[in-house]
């Protein structure tokens, strides 16, 4: 069985976060979605569990980093084209995200980053299949 990843992200409002991420084209798994949690399906191998701060504290037993002012993690999504990078970043901006840095165009690698509604940093990038290995 291939390895899959599910990242747990603390959010202030599950409903608001669902609205934001569905505008980026991600699906929500209704079986694992309720008032305090939502499973965001990014791809067959990647999902994010959006959990309220209360639930996240209970799961981790730790304080939650203030993602709006502190670095915690950068969630990177490798996508299949430069156009998909732009599509994700543009949709995020239209849904209320803040741009983290301007487009990173190195020819063989292209990426754009944004900060979601809760301050989590995301980076969509594409590596050309013609890139020298």
C-alpha atoms as a PDB file:
ATOM      1  CA  UNK A   1       0.000   0.000   0.000  1.00  0.00           C
ATOM      2  CA  UNK A   2       1.387   3.435  -0.873  1.00  0.00           C
ATOM      3  CA  UNK A   3       2.069   5.800   2.005  1.00  0.00           C
ATOM      4  CA  UNK A   4      -0.453   8.584   2.376  1.00  0.00           C
ATOM      5  CA  UNK A   5      -0.221  11.729   4.463  1.00  0.00           C
ATOM      6  CA  UNK A   6      -2.799  13.582   6.513  1.00  0.00           C
ATOM      7  CA  UNK A   7      -1.698  16.841   8.107  1.00  0.00           C
ATOM      8  CA  UNK A   8      -3.686  18.162  11.074  1.00  0.00           C
ATOM      9  CA  UNK A   9      -4.152  21.934  10.956  1.00  0.00           C
ATOM     10  CA  UNK A  10      -5.707  23.965  13.768  1.00  0.00           C
ATOM     11  CA  UNK A  11      -8.318  26.395  12.455  1.00  0.00           C
ATOM     12  CA  UNK A  12     -10.429  29.057  14.103  1.00  0.00           C
ATOM     13  CA  UNK A  13     -13.543  28.136  12.106  1.00  0.00           C
ATOM     14  CA  UNK A  14     -14.033  24.805  10.375  1.00  0.00           C
ATOM     15  CA  UNK A  15     -16.858  26.206   8.228  1.00  0.00           C
ATOM     16  CA  UNK A  16     -14.863  29.221   7.084  1.00  0.00           C
ATOM     17  CA  UNK A  17     -11.856  27.013   6.313  1.00  0.00           C
ATOM     18  CA  UNK A  18     -13.999  24.586   4.308  1.00  0.00           C
ATOM     19  CA  UNK A  19     -15.305  27.507   2.262  1.00  0.00           C
ATOM     20  CA  UNK A  20     -11.752  28.769   1.659  1.00  0.00           C
ATOM     21  CA  UNK A  21     -10.242  25.426   0.618  1.00  0.00           C
ATOM     22  CA  UNK A  22     -13.144  24.328  -1.574  1.00  0.00           C
ATOM     23  CA  UNK A  23     -12.613  27.545  -3.527  1.00  0.00           C
ATOM     24  CA  UNK A  24      -9.112  26.183  -4.264  1.00  0.00           C
ATOM     25  CA  UNK A  25     -10.707  23.069  -5.736  1.00  0.00           C
ATOM     26  CA  UNK A  26     -10.180  20.690  -2.816  1.00  0.00           C
ATOM     27  CA  UNK A  27     -12.954  18.315  -1.748  1.00  0.00           C
ATOM     28  CA  UNK A  28     -14.331  17.652   1.716  1.00  0.00           C
ATOM     29  CA  UNK A  29     -14.927  14.098   2.936  1.00  0.00           C
ATOM     30  CA  UNK A  30     -18.409  14.182   4.504  1.00  0.00           C
ATOM     31  CA  UNK A  31     -17.723  11.006   6.523  1.00  0.00           C
ATOM     32  CA  UNK A  32     -14.963  12.730   8.498  1.00  0.00           C
ATOM     33  CA  UNK A  33     -16.492  16.183   8.704  1.00  0.00           C
ATOM     34  CA  UNK A  34     -18.487  17.696  11.539  1.00  0.00           C
ATOM     35  CA  UNK A  35     -18.689  20.840  13.651  1.00  0.00           C
ATOM     36  CA  UNK A  36     -15.145  20.527  15.033  1.00  0.00           C
ATOM     37  CA  UNK A  37     -13.285  18.676  12.264  1.00  0.00           C
ATOM     38  CA  UNK A  38     -13.207  18.324   8.505  1.00  0.00           C
ATOM     39  CA  UNK A  39     -11.160  16.096   6.247  1.00  0.00           C
ATOM     40  CA  UNK A  40      -9.929  18.108   3.301  1.00  0.00           C
ATOM     41  CA  UNK A  41      -9.043  15.882   0.327  1.00  0.00           C
ATOM     42  CA  UNK A  42      -6.149  17.402  -1.598  1.00  0.00           C
ATOM     43  CA  UNK A  43      -5.305  14.306  -3.665  1.00  0.00           C
ATOM     44  CA  UNK A  44      -5.557  10.531  -3.342  1.00  0.00           C
ATOM     45  CA  UNK A  45      -2.406  10.551  -1.226  1.00  0.00           C
ATOM     46  CA  UNK A  46      -2.748  13.843   0.657  1.00  0.00           C
ATOM     47  CA  UNK A  47      -5.387  15.147   3.016  1.00  0.00           C
ATOM     48  CA  UNK A  48      -5.580  17.709   5.775  1.00  0.00           C
ATOM     49  CA  UNK A  49      -7.660  17.392   8.893  1.00  0.00           C
ATOM     50  CA  UNK A  50      -8.963  20.830   9.761  1.00  0.00           C
ATOM     51  CA  UNK A  51      -9.593  20.828  13.493  1.00  0.00           C
ATOM     52  CA  UNK A  52     -10.766  23.507  15.884  1.00  0.00           C
ATOM     53  CA  UNK A  53      -8.209  24.895  18.302  1.00  0.00           C
ATOM     54  CA  UNK A  54      -9.961  23.104  21.180  1.00  0.00           C
ATOM     55  CA  UNK A  55      -9.709  19.723  19.465  1.00  0.00           C
ATOM     56  CA  UNK A  56      -6.126  20.354  18.336  1.00  0.00           C
ATOM     57  CA  UNK A  57      -5.063  21.189  21.924  1.00  0.00           C
ATOM     58  CA  UNK A  58      -6.760  18.012  23.164  1.00  0.00           C
ATOM     59  CA  UNK A  59      -5.046  15.882  20.477  1.00  0.00           C
ATOM     60  CA  UNK A  60      -1.570  17.316  20.974  1.00  0.00           C
ATOM     61  CA  UNK A  61      -1.568  18.337  24.637  1.00  0.00           C
ATOM     62  CA  UNK A  62       0.345  21.449  23.525  1.00  0.00           C
ATOM     63  CA  UNK A  63      -0.195  25.128  22.979  1.00  0.00           C
ATOM     64  CA  UNK A  64      -0.947  26.149  19.423  1.00  0.00           C
ATOM     65  CA  UNK A  65       1.633  28.256  17.614  1.00  0.00           C
ATOM     66  CA  UNK A  66       0.254  31.576  16.415  1.00  0.00           C
ATOM     67  CA  UNK A  67       0.672  30.862  12.710  1.00  0.00           C
ATOM     68  CA  UNK A  68      -0.081  34.476  11.822  1.00  0.00           C
ATOM     69  CA  UNK A  69       3.157  35.634  13.477  1.00  0.00           C
ATOM     70  CA  UNK A  70       5.263  32.506  14.023  1.00  0.00           C
ATOM     71  CA  UNK A  71       6.577  29.976  11.526  1.00  0.00           C
ATOM     72  CA  UNK A  72       5.311  26.471  12.195  1.00  0.00           C
ATOM     73  CA  UNK A  73       5.474  24.627   8.885  1.00  0.00           C
ATOM     74  CA  UNK A  74       5.195  25.256   5.155  1.00  0.00           C
ATOM     75  CA  UNK A  75       2.807  22.863   3.425  1.00  0.00           C
ATOM     76  CA  UNK A  76       4.181  22.310  -0.066  1.00  0.00           C
ATOM     77  CA  UNK A  77       2.097  20.888  -2.875  1.00  0.00           C
ATOM     78  CA  UNK A  78       3.931  19.672  -5.959  1.00  0.00           C
ATOM     79  CA  UNK A  79       1.523  19.992  -8.876  1.00  0.00           C
ATOM     80  CA  UNK A  80       1.621  18.912 -12.510  1.00  0.00           C
ATOM     81  CA  UNK A  81       1.997  22.274 -14.246  1.00  0.00           C
ATOM     82  CA  UNK A  82       2.906  25.926 -13.896  1.00  0.00           C
ATOM     83  CA  UNK A  83      -0.698  26.718 -14.789  1.00  0.00           C
ATOM     84  CA  UNK A  84      -1.920  24.680 -11.796  1.00  0.00           C
ATOM     85  CA  UNK A  85       0.477  26.628  -9.552  1.00  0.00           C
ATOM     86  CA  UNK A  86      -1.038  29.891 -10.772  1.00  0.00           C
ATOM     87  CA  UNK A  87      -4.561  28.499 -10.528  1.00  0.00           C
ATOM     88  CA  UNK A  88      -4.081  27.507  -6.863  1.00  0.00           C
ATOM     89  CA  UNK A  89      -2.357  30.738  -5.851  1.00  0.00           C
ATOM     90  CA  UNK A  90      -4.862  32.934  -7.685  1.00  0.00           C
ATOM     91  CA  UNK A  91      -7.839  31.056  -6.201  1.00  0.00           C
ATOM     92  CA  UNK A  92      -6.292  31.368  -2.737  1.00  0.00           C
ATOM     93  CA  UNK A  93      -5.904  35.117  -3.190  1.00  0.00           C
ATOM     94  CA  UNK A  94      -9.482  35.478  -4.374  1.00  0.00           C
ATOM     95  CA  UNK A  95     -10.640  33.479  -1.330  1.00  0.00           C
ATOM     96  CA  UNK A  96      -8.814  35.784   1.098  1.00  0.00           C
ATOM     97  CA  UNK A  97      -5.275  34.410   1.322  1.00  0.00           C
ATOM     98  CA  UNK A  98      -2.242  36.657   1.552  1.00  0.00           C
ATOM     99  CA  UNK A  99       0.685  36.207  -0.851  1.00  0.00           C
ATOM    100  CA  UNK A 100       3.835  35.097   0.997  1.00  0.00           C
ATOM    101  CA  UNK A 101       6.361  35.953  -1.696  1.00  0.00           C
ATOM    102  CA  UNK A 102       6.356  36.737  -5.399  1.00  0.00           C
ATOM    103  CA  UNK A 103       6.474  33.938  -7.961  1.00  0.00           C
ATOM    104  CA  UNK A 104       9.681  31.910  -7.808  1.00  0.00           C
ATOM    105  CA  UNK A 105      10.634  31.172 -11.404  1.00  0.00           C
ATOM    106  CA  UNK A 106      13.914  29.324 -11.832  1.00  0.00           C
ATOM    107  CA  UNK A 107      13.064  27.937 -15.248  1.00  0.00           C
ATOM    108  CA  UNK A 108      12.999  24.274 -14.222  1.00  0.00           C
ATOM    109  CA  UNK A 109      11.137  25.111 -10.993  1.00  0.00           C
ATOM    110  CA  UNK A 110       8.187  27.440 -10.566  1.00  0.00           C
ATOM    111  CA  UNK A 111       6.335  28.179  -7.366  1.00  0.00           C
ATOM    112  CA  UNK A 112       4.061  30.587  -5.534  1.00  0.00           C
ATOM    113  CA  UNK A 113       3.197  30.776  -1.879  1.00  0.00           C
ATOM    114  CA  UNK A 114       0.303  32.039   0.190  1.00  0.00           C
ATOM    115  CA  UNK A 115      -0.913  32.203   3.764  1.00  0.00           C
ATOM    116  CA  UNK A 116      -4.383  30.793   4.456  1.00  0.00           C
ATOM    117  CA  UNK A 117      -7.030  32.366   6.693  1.00  0.00           C
ATOM    118  CA  UNK A 118      -5.425  30.944   9.857  1.00  0.00           C
ATOM    119  CA  UNK A 119      -1.865  31.926   8.947  1.00  0.00           C
ATOM    120  CA  UNK A 120      -0.656  28.521   7.712  1.00  0.00           C
ATOM    121  CA  UNK A 121       1.896  28.870   4.928  1.00  0.00           C
ATOM    122  CA  UNK A 122       1.334  26.989   1.660  1.00  0.00           C
ATOM    123  CA  UNK A 123       3.605  26.705  -1.373  1.00  0.00           C
ATOM    124  CA  UNK A 124       2.443  25.308  -4.710  1.00  0.00           C
ATOM    125  CA  UNK A 125       5.290  24.368  -7.029  1.00  0.00           C
ATOM    126  CA  UNK A 126       6.022  22.599 -10.299  1.00  0.00           C
ATOM    127  CA  UNK A 127       9.286  20.993 -11.373  1.00  0.00           C
ATOM    128  CA  UNK A 128       9.718  20.581 -15.114  1.00  0.00           C
ATOM    129  CA  UNK A 129      10.003  16.934 -16.125  1.00  0.00           C
ATOM    130  CA  UNK A 130      12.876  18.017 -18.376  1.00  0.00           C
ATOM    131  CA  UNK A 131      14.886  19.235 -15.386  1.00  0.00           C
ATOM    132  CA  UNK A 132      18.355  17.717 -15.171  1.00  0.00           C
ATOM    133  CA  UNK A 133      18.583  15.243 -12.329  1.00  0.00           C
END
